[in-house]
Amino acid sequence: MIKDERLLAEFEENELRKEKPDYEKALRLFEAMWKEAMLLGVLPMKDPLEGIEADIKIARILNGVRATD
């Protein structure tokens, strides 16, 4: 259980600052995830526009929500 959320947030921010962006590592990760999705039969999509109406509706709802902070 996390007792001090602020302390955890500071820790996470410091860890992210330490880690430098690595294009090659990110590309390898993306390629591995793409291959796994292909093996699972999720990609390539048979119909890329399938379900687009629901995505548009959700986007409109989320874009209409004002930020509270």
C-alpha atoms as a PDB file:
ATOM      1  CA  MET A   1       0.000   0.000   0.000  1.00  0.00           C
ATOM      2  CA  ILE A   2       1.294   3.440  -0.936  1.00  0.00           C
ATOM      3  CA  LYS A   3       1.173   5.804   2.017  1.00  0.00           C
ATOM      4  CA  ASP A   4       2.865   8.887   0.530  1.00  0.00           C
ATOM      5  CA  GLU A   5       1.730   9.481  -3.057  1.00  0.00           C
ATOM      6  CA  ARG A   6       3.839  12.629  -3.394  1.00  0.00           C
ATOM      7  CA  LEU A   7       6.993  10.744  -2.461  1.00  0.00           C
ATOM      8  CA  LEU A   8       6.178   8.035  -5.007  1.00  0.00           C
ATOM      9  CA  ALA A   9       5.545  10.642  -7.713  1.00  0.00           C
ATOM     10  CA  GLU A  10       8.895  12.308  -6.972  1.00  0.00           C
ATOM     11  CA  PHE A  11      10.646   8.937  -7.112  1.00  0.00           C
ATOM     12  CA  GLU A  12       9.047   8.092 -10.464  1.00  0.00           C
ATOM     13  CA  GLU A  13       9.971  11.493 -11.923  1.00  0.00           C
ATOM     14  CA  ASN A  14      13.588  11.096 -10.794  1.00  0.00           C
ATOM     15  CA  GLU A  15      13.784   7.610 -12.319  1.00  0.00           C
ATOM     16  CA  LEU A  16      12.388   8.886 -15.620  1.00  0.00           C
ATOM     17  CA  ARG A  17      14.939  11.697 -15.681  1.00  0.00           C
ATOM     18  CA  LYS A  18      17.774   9.201 -15.206  1.00  0.00           C
ATOM     19  CA  GLU A  19      16.662   7.089 -18.162  1.00  0.00           C
ATOM     20  CA  LYS A  20      17.736   8.588 -21.485  1.00  0.00           C
ATOM     21  CA  PRO A  21      15.633   8.012 -24.617  1.00  0.00           C
ATOM     22  CA  ASP A  22      16.989   5.123 -26.693  1.00  0.00           C
ATOM     23  CA  TYR A  23      15.612   5.019 -30.235  1.00  0.00           C
ATOM     24  CA  GLU A  24      17.070   1.606 -31.075  1.00  0.00           C
ATOM     25  CA  LYS A  25      15.659   0.035 -27.907  1.00  0.00           C
ATOM     26  CA  ALA A  26      12.234   1.550 -28.586  1.00  0.00           C
ATOM     27  CA  LEU A  27      12.318   0.287 -32.180  1.00  0.00           C
ATOM     28  CA  ARG A  28      13.244  -3.244 -31.067  1.00  0.00           C
ATOM     29  CA  LEU A  29      10.400  -3.203 -28.541  1.00  0.00           C
ATOM     30  CA  PHE A  30       7.930  -1.972 -31.172  1.00  0.00           C
ATOM     31  CA  GLU A  31       9.046  -4.631 -33.656  1.00  0.00           C
ATOM     32  CA  ALA A  32       8.741  -7.381 -31.046  1.00  0.00           C
ATOM     33  CA  MET A  33       5.240  -6.223 -30.077  1.00  0.00           C
ATOM     34  CA  TRP A  34       4.243  -6.050 -33.765  1.00  0.00           C
ATOM     35  CA  LYS A  35       5.483  -9.606 -34.370  1.00  0.00           C
ATOM     36  CA  GLU A  36       3.642 -10.880 -31.307  1.00  0.00           C
ATOM     37  CA  ALA A  37       0.441  -9.198 -32.467  1.00  0.00           C
ATOM     38  CA  MET A  38       0.851 -10.852 -35.869  1.00  0.00           C
ATOM     39  CA  LEU A  39       1.369 -14.247 -34.236  1.00  0.00           C
ATOM     40  CA  LEU A  40      -1.780 -13.714 -32.176  1.00  0.00           C
ATOM     41  CA  GLY A  41      -3.696 -12.805 -35.326  1.00  0.00           C
ATOM     42  CA  VAL A  42      -4.535  -9.304 -34.132  1.00  0.00           C
ATOM     43  CA  LEU A  43      -2.480  -7.551 -36.824  1.00  0.00           C
ATOM     44  CA  PRO A  44      -2.812  -6.694 -39.626  1.00  0.00           C
ATOM     45  CA  MET A  45      -6.419  -5.719 -39.177  1.00  0.00           C
ATOM     46  CA  LYS A  46      -8.876  -7.156 -41.675  1.00  0.00           C
ATOM     47  CA  ASP A  47     -10.876  -3.931 -41.722  1.00  0.00           C
ATOM     48  CA  PRO A  48      -8.929  -0.979 -40.276  1.00  0.00           C
ATOM     49  CA  LEU A  49     -12.086   1.140 -40.053  1.00  0.00           C
ATOM     50  CA  GLU A  50     -14.058  -1.428 -38.062  1.00  0.00           C
ATOM     51  CA  GLY A  51     -15.341   0.207 -34.907  1.00  0.00           C
ATOM     52  CA  ILE A  52     -14.294   3.710 -35.980  1.00  0.00           C
ATOM     53  CA  GLU A  53     -17.729   5.105 -35.100  1.00  0.00           C
ATOM     54  CA  ALA A  54     -17.313   4.074 -31.465  1.00  0.00           C
ATOM     55  CA  ASP A  55     -13.784   5.535 -31.381  1.00  0.00           C
ATOM     56  CA  ILE A  56     -15.058   8.847 -32.766  1.00  0.00           C
ATOM     57  CA  LYS A  57     -17.900   8.928 -30.239  1.00  0.00           C
ATOM     58  CA  ILE A  58     -15.491   8.285 -27.335  1.00  0.00           C
ATOM     59  CA  ALA A  59     -13.090  10.941 -28.641  1.00  0.00           C
ATOM     60  CA  ARG A  60     -15.889  13.504 -28.842  1.00  0.00           C
ATOM     61  CA  ILE A  61     -16.943  12.720 -25.284  1.00  0.00           C
ATOM     62  CA  LEU A  62     -13.383  12.927 -23.942  1.00  0.00           C
ATOM     63  CA  ASN A  63     -12.638  16.137 -25.826  1.00  0.00           C
ATOM     64  CA  GLY A  64     -15.753  17.692 -24.331  1.00  0.00           C
ATOM     65  CA  VAL A  65     -14.602  17.023 -20.760  1.00  0.00           C
ATOM     66  CA  ARG A  66     -12.805  19.935 -19.150  1.00  0.00           C
ATOM     67  CA  ALA A  67      -9.664  19.316 -17.133  1.00  0.00           C
ATOM     68  CA  THR A  68     -10.067  19.783 -13.386  1.00  0.00           C
ATOM     69  CA  ASP A  69      -6.479  20.757 -12.566  1.00  0.00           C
END
